[in-house]
Protein backbone atom coordinates (compact mmCIF):
# COMPACT_ATOMS: atom_id res chain seq x y z
CA MET A 1 -59.85 -14.15 -25.45
CA SER A 2 -62.43 -13.50 -28.12
CA HIS A 3 -62.36 -14.84 -31.64
CA ALA A 4 -61.33 -11.38 -32.87
CA ASP A 5 -58.39 -11.37 -30.43
CA LEU A 6 -57.28 -14.78 -31.65
CA LEU A 7 -57.47 -13.65 -35.28
CA GLU A 8 -55.47 -10.52 -34.47
CA LEU A 9 -52.81 -12.63 -32.76
CA ARG A 10 -52.57 -15.02 -35.70
CA ASN A 11 -52.55 -12.25 -38.30
CA SER A 12 -49.94 -10.15 -36.56
CA LEU A 13 -47.68 -13.19 -35.99
CA ALA A 14 -48.05 -14.18 -39.64
CA THR A 15 -47.22 -10.63 -40.72
CA ALA A 16 -44.16 -10.54 -38.46
CA SER A 17 -43.05 -13.91 -39.80
CA ASP A 18 -43.47 -12.79 -43.42
CA ILE A 19 -41.47 -9.63 -42.77
CA ALA A 20 -38.73 -11.48 -40.85
CA PHE A 21 -38.25 -14.12 -43.54
CA GLY A 22 -38.17 -11.44 -46.22
CA LEU A 23 -35.41 -9.43 -44.56
CA GLU A 24 -32.06 -9.06 -46.25
CA SER A 25 -28.78 -9.09 -44.34
CA ASP A 26 -29.01 -5.31 -44.01
CA PRO A 27 -32.71 -4.44 -43.55
CA SER A 28 -33.94 -0.92 -44.15
CA SER A 29 -35.32 1.12 -41.28
CA ARG A 30 -38.77 0.83 -42.89
CA GLN A 31 -38.57 -2.99 -42.80
CA ALA A 32 -37.34 -2.93 -39.21
CA ASP A 33 -40.13 -0.56 -38.18
CA ALA A 34 -42.75 -2.76 -39.87
CA LEU A 35 -41.41 -5.82 -38.06
CA VAL A 36 -41.41 -4.05 -34.69
CA GLU A 37 -44.99 -2.84 -35.22
CA ALA A 38 -46.20 -6.32 -36.19
CA LEU A 39 -44.53 -7.77 -33.10
CA ARG A 40 -46.10 -5.09 -30.90
CA ARG A 41 -49.52 -5.94 -32.30
CA ALA A 42 -48.85 -9.64 -31.63
CA LEU A 43 -47.74 -8.90 -28.08
CA ALA A 44 -50.82 -6.78 -27.42
CA ALA A 45 -53.08 -9.51 -28.79
CA ALA A 46 -51.27 -12.16 -26.74
CA GLY A 47 -51.76 -9.99 -23.67
CA THR A 48 -55.49 -10.46 -23.99
CA LEU A 49 -55.08 -14.17 -23.23
CA SER A 50 -55.08 -13.43 -19.53
CA SER A 51 -56.47 -9.92 -19.53
CA ALA A 52 -60.03 -8.77 -19.06
CA VAL A 53 -59.35 -5.82 -21.39
CA GLY A 54 -59.49 -6.57 -25.10
CA ALA A 55 -56.95 -5.69 -27.73
CA THR A 56 -58.93 -2.67 -28.93
CA GLY A 57 -58.53 -0.74 -25.68
CA CYS A 58 -62.04 0.55 -26.41
CA PRO A 59 -64.35 0.90 -23.41
CA GLU A 60 -67.40 0.42 -25.64
CA HIS A 61 -66.07 -2.61 -27.59
CA PRO A 62 -63.26 -4.13 -25.49
CA ARG A 63 -63.62 -7.47 -27.25
CA GLY A 64 -64.20 -6.02 -30.70
CA ALA A 65 -61.99 -6.43 -33.73
CA VAL A 66 -58.82 -4.41 -34.20
CA ASP A 67 -58.90 -2.23 -37.31
CA PRO A 68 -56.55 -3.86 -39.86
CA LEU A 69 -55.29 -0.40 -40.88
CA TYR A 70 -54.17 0.35 -37.32
CA GLY A 71 -50.41 0.80 -37.40
CA ASP A 72 -50.18 0.49 -41.19
CA PRO A 73 -47.47 2.93 -42.26
CA GLU A 74 -48.55 2.84 -45.93
CA ASP A 75 -52.24 3.56 -45.26
CA PRO A 76 -52.45 5.24 -41.83
CA LEU A 77 -55.71 5.92 -40.05
CA PRO A 78 -56.87 9.53 -39.80
CA PRO A 79 -56.05 11.46 -36.61
CA GLY A 80 -58.32 10.57 -33.72
CA TYR A 81 -58.93 7.00 -34.86
CA GLY A 82 -58.01 4.20 -32.48
CA LYS A 83 -57.65 0.43 -32.68
CA CYS A 84 -61.38 -0.41 -32.52
CA LEU A 85 -62.72 -1.43 -35.93
CA LEU A 86 -66.33 -0.86 -34.85
CA CYS A 87 -65.70 2.71 -33.70
CA ASN A 88 -63.53 3.47 -36.74
CA ASP A 89 -66.22 2.11 -39.05
CA ARG A 90 -68.77 4.36 -37.36
CA ARG A 91 -66.44 7.35 -37.88
CA ARG A 92 -65.97 6.41 -41.55
CA ARG A 93 -69.72 6.14 -42.11
CA ALA A 94 -70.36 9.47 -40.38
CA GLY A 95 -67.72 11.11 -42.57
CA THR A 96 -69.30 9.62 -45.70
CA HIS A 97 -72.72 10.95 -44.73
CA ARG A 98 -71.33 14.42 -44.03
CA HIS A 99 -69.59 14.53 -47.39
CA GLY A 100 -72.69 13.20 -49.19
CA LEU A 101 -74.91 15.98 -47.83
CA ARG A 102 -72.80 18.78 -49.24
């Protein structure tokens, strides 16, 4: 497990905990979906404890950081973006350069 994997595990567990403790007796579907997604991220990060494949699922950066916007329903990633922060950053920079040249 890399340091990035450990951070992802801690962050996703903290997010799930925050959501769970903030739930009312009758949570909205949005709250439930956010909790499920945070728990999925935590499970995926925990899976890297014994796995040779990192949390990003990226063949180029298997031990890289997971993009913090991955799975965020309020600020979703553009189509075609994955979990890998390094690849997503490269895509963002390429998009910025394309827009700057026009």
